[in-house]
C-alpha atoms as a PDB file:
ATOM      1  CA  UNK A   1     120.658 119.492  64.278  1.00  0.00           C
ATOM      2  CA  UNK A   2     120.662 122.862  62.529  1.00  0.00           C
ATOM      3  CA  UNK A   3     120.470 126.180  64.327  1.00  0.00           C
ATOM      4  CA  UNK A   4     116.943 126.829  63.010  1.00  0.00           C
ATOM      5  CA  UNK A   5     115.585 123.548  64.395  1.00  0.00           C
ATOM      6  CA  UNK A   6     117.104 123.798  67.886  1.00  0.00           C
ATOM      7  CA  UNK A   7     114.527 124.201  70.604  1.00  0.00           C
ATOM      8  CA  UNK A   8     114.730 127.368  72.680  1.00  0.00           C
ATOM      9  CA  UNK A   9     114.760 126.644  76.389  1.00  0.00           C
ATOM     10  CA  UNK A  10     113.501 129.377  78.707  1.00  0.00           C
ATOM     11  CA  UNK A  11     113.814 129.567  82.474  1.00  0.00           C
ATOM     12  CA  UNK A  12     110.377 128.759  83.978  1.00  0.00           C
ATOM     13  CA  UNK A  13     110.811 131.521  86.585  1.00  0.00           C
ATOM     14  CA  UNK A  14     112.235 134.562  84.750  1.00  0.00           C
ATOM     15  CA  UNK A  15     111.799 133.436  81.112  1.00  0.00           C
ATOM     16  CA  UNK A  16     115.479 134.112  80.250  1.00  0.00           C
ATOM     17  CA  UNK A  17     116.855 132.027  77.370  1.00  0.00           C
ATOM     18  CA  UNK A  18     118.886 129.147  78.835  1.00  0.00           C
ATOM     19  CA  UNK A  19     121.606 127.328  76.872  1.00  0.00           C
ATOM     20  CA  UNK A  20     121.118 123.562  76.856  1.00  0.00           C
ATOM     21  CA  UNK A  21     124.594 123.069  78.326  1.00  0.00           C
ATOM     22  CA  UNK A  22     123.809 125.318  81.317  1.00  0.00           C
ATOM     23  CA  UNK A  23     124.507 123.415  84.563  1.00  0.00           C
ATOM     24  CA  UNK A  24     121.298 124.774  86.143  1.00  0.00           C
ATOM     25  CA  UNK A  25     119.093 123.924  83.130  1.00  0.00           C
ATOM     26  CA  UNK A  26     116.157 124.264  82.801  1.00  0.00           C
ATOM     27  CA  UNK A  27     116.752 127.225  85.132  1.00  0.00           C
ATOM     28  CA  UNK A  28     119.051 130.136  84.265  1.00  0.00           C
ATOM     29  CA  UNK A  29     120.602 130.287  87.728  1.00  0.00           C
ATOM     30  CA  UNK A  30     120.652 128.719  91.157  1.00  0.00           C
ATOM     31  CA  UNK A  31     118.473 131.612  92.358  1.00  0.00           C
ATOM     32  CA  UNK A  32     115.638 130.663  89.971  1.00  0.00           C
ATOM     33  CA  UNK A  33     116.056 126.988  90.922  1.00  0.00           C
ATOM     34  CA  UNK A  34     115.591 127.871  94.623  1.00  0.00           C
ATOM     35  CA  UNK A  35     112.582 130.096  93.875  1.00  0.00           C
ATOM     36  CA  UNK A  36     110.974 127.168  92.041  1.00  0.00           C
ATOM     37  CA  UNK A  37     111.715 124.799  94.938  1.00  0.00           C
ATOM     38  CA  UNK A  38     110.124 127.302  97.322  1.00  0.00           C
ATOM     39  CA  UNK A  39     106.967 127.359  95.210  1.00  0.00           C
ATOM     40  CA  UNK A  40     106.705 123.561  95.452  1.00  0.00           C
ATOM     41  CA  UNK A  41     107.391 123.626  99.199  1.00  0.00           C
ATOM     42  CA  UNK A  42     104.785 126.323  99.870  1.00  0.00           C
ATOM     43  CA  UNK A  43     102.098 124.451  97.932  1.00  0.00           C
ATOM     44  CA  UNK A  44     101.849 127.063  95.187  1.00  0.00           C
ATOM     45  CA  UNK A  45     102.431 124.276  92.644  1.00  0.00           C
ATOM     46  CA  UNK A  46     100.179 121.224  92.720  1.00  0.00           C
ATOM     47  CA  UNK A  47      99.820 118.102  90.651  1.00  0.00           C
ATOM     48  CA  UNK A  48      96.117 118.129  89.930  1.00  0.00           C
ATOM     49  CA  UNK A  49      95.702 115.068  87.739  1.00  0.00           C
ATOM     50  CA  UNK A  50      93.855 112.145  89.321  1.00  0.00           C
ATOM     51  CA  UNK A  51      95.665 109.034  90.504  1.00  0.00           C
ATOM     52  CA  UNK A  52      95.286 106.382  87.833  1.00  0.00           C
ATOM     53  CA  UNK A  53      97.396 103.586  89.347  1.00  0.00           C
ATOM     54  CA  UNK A  54      94.930 100.879  90.485  1.00  0.00           C
ATOM     55  CA  UNK A  55      97.284  99.673  93.247  1.00  0.00           C
ATOM     56  CA  UNK A  56      97.469 103.141  94.769  1.00  0.00           C
ATOM     57  CA  UNK A  57      93.709 103.579  94.489  1.00  0.00           C
ATOM     58  CA  UNK A  58      93.143 100.284  96.331  1.00  0.00           C
ATOM     59  CA  UNK A  59      95.477 101.396  99.140  1.00  0.00           C
ATOM     60  CA  UNK A  60      93.617 104.711  99.423  1.00  0.00           C
ATOM     61  CA  UNK A  61      90.239 102.940  99.491  1.00  0.00           C
ATOM     62  CA  UNK A  62      91.425 100.540 102.198  1.00  0.00           C
ATOM     63  CA  UNK A  63      92.817 103.396 104.281  1.00  0.00           C
ATOM     64  CA  UNK A  64      89.540 105.304 103.937  1.00  0.00           C
ATOM     65  CA  UNK A  65      87.531 102.271 105.028  1.00  0.00           C
ATOM     66  CA  UNK A  66      89.827 101.690 108.022  1.00  0.00           C
ATOM     67  CA  UNK A  67      89.559 105.341 109.063  1.00  0.00           C
ATOM     68  CA  UNK A  68      85.757 105.259 108.775  1.00  0.00           C
ATOM     69  CA  UNK A  69      85.631 102.051 110.849  1.00  0.00           C
ATOM     70  CA  UNK A  70      87.866 103.603 113.531  1.00  0.00           C
ATOM     71  CA  UNK A  71      85.681 106.714 113.662  1.00  0.00           C
ATOM     72  CA  UNK A  72      82.566 104.523 113.928  1.00  0.00           C
ATOM     73  CA  UNK A  73      84.141 102.493 116.755  1.00  0.00           C
ATOM     74  CA  UNK A  74      85.079 105.698 118.575  1.00  0.00           C
ATOM     75  CA  UNK A  75      81.528 107.055 118.230  1.00  0.00           C
ATOM     76  CA  UNK A  76      80.059 103.860 119.724  1.00  0.00           C
ATOM     77  CA  UNK A  77      82.141 104.181 122.907  1.00  0.00           C
END
């Protein structure tokens, strides 16, 4: 691949240019990697796309029905 066609990789935290052979890629350093992990752990990052796997959706629906049934049983007591 020629120099002009190589993709520039930037650190998602500090936007520094990162060489593709960098051991911390896509981050420029271990510090930026840990900052990113902290953002995931704190809930700052979220995956907001809906679940499209039918098997997972069925499991969620069954769990919701079971929970509703348990709440109904508890209310009747």
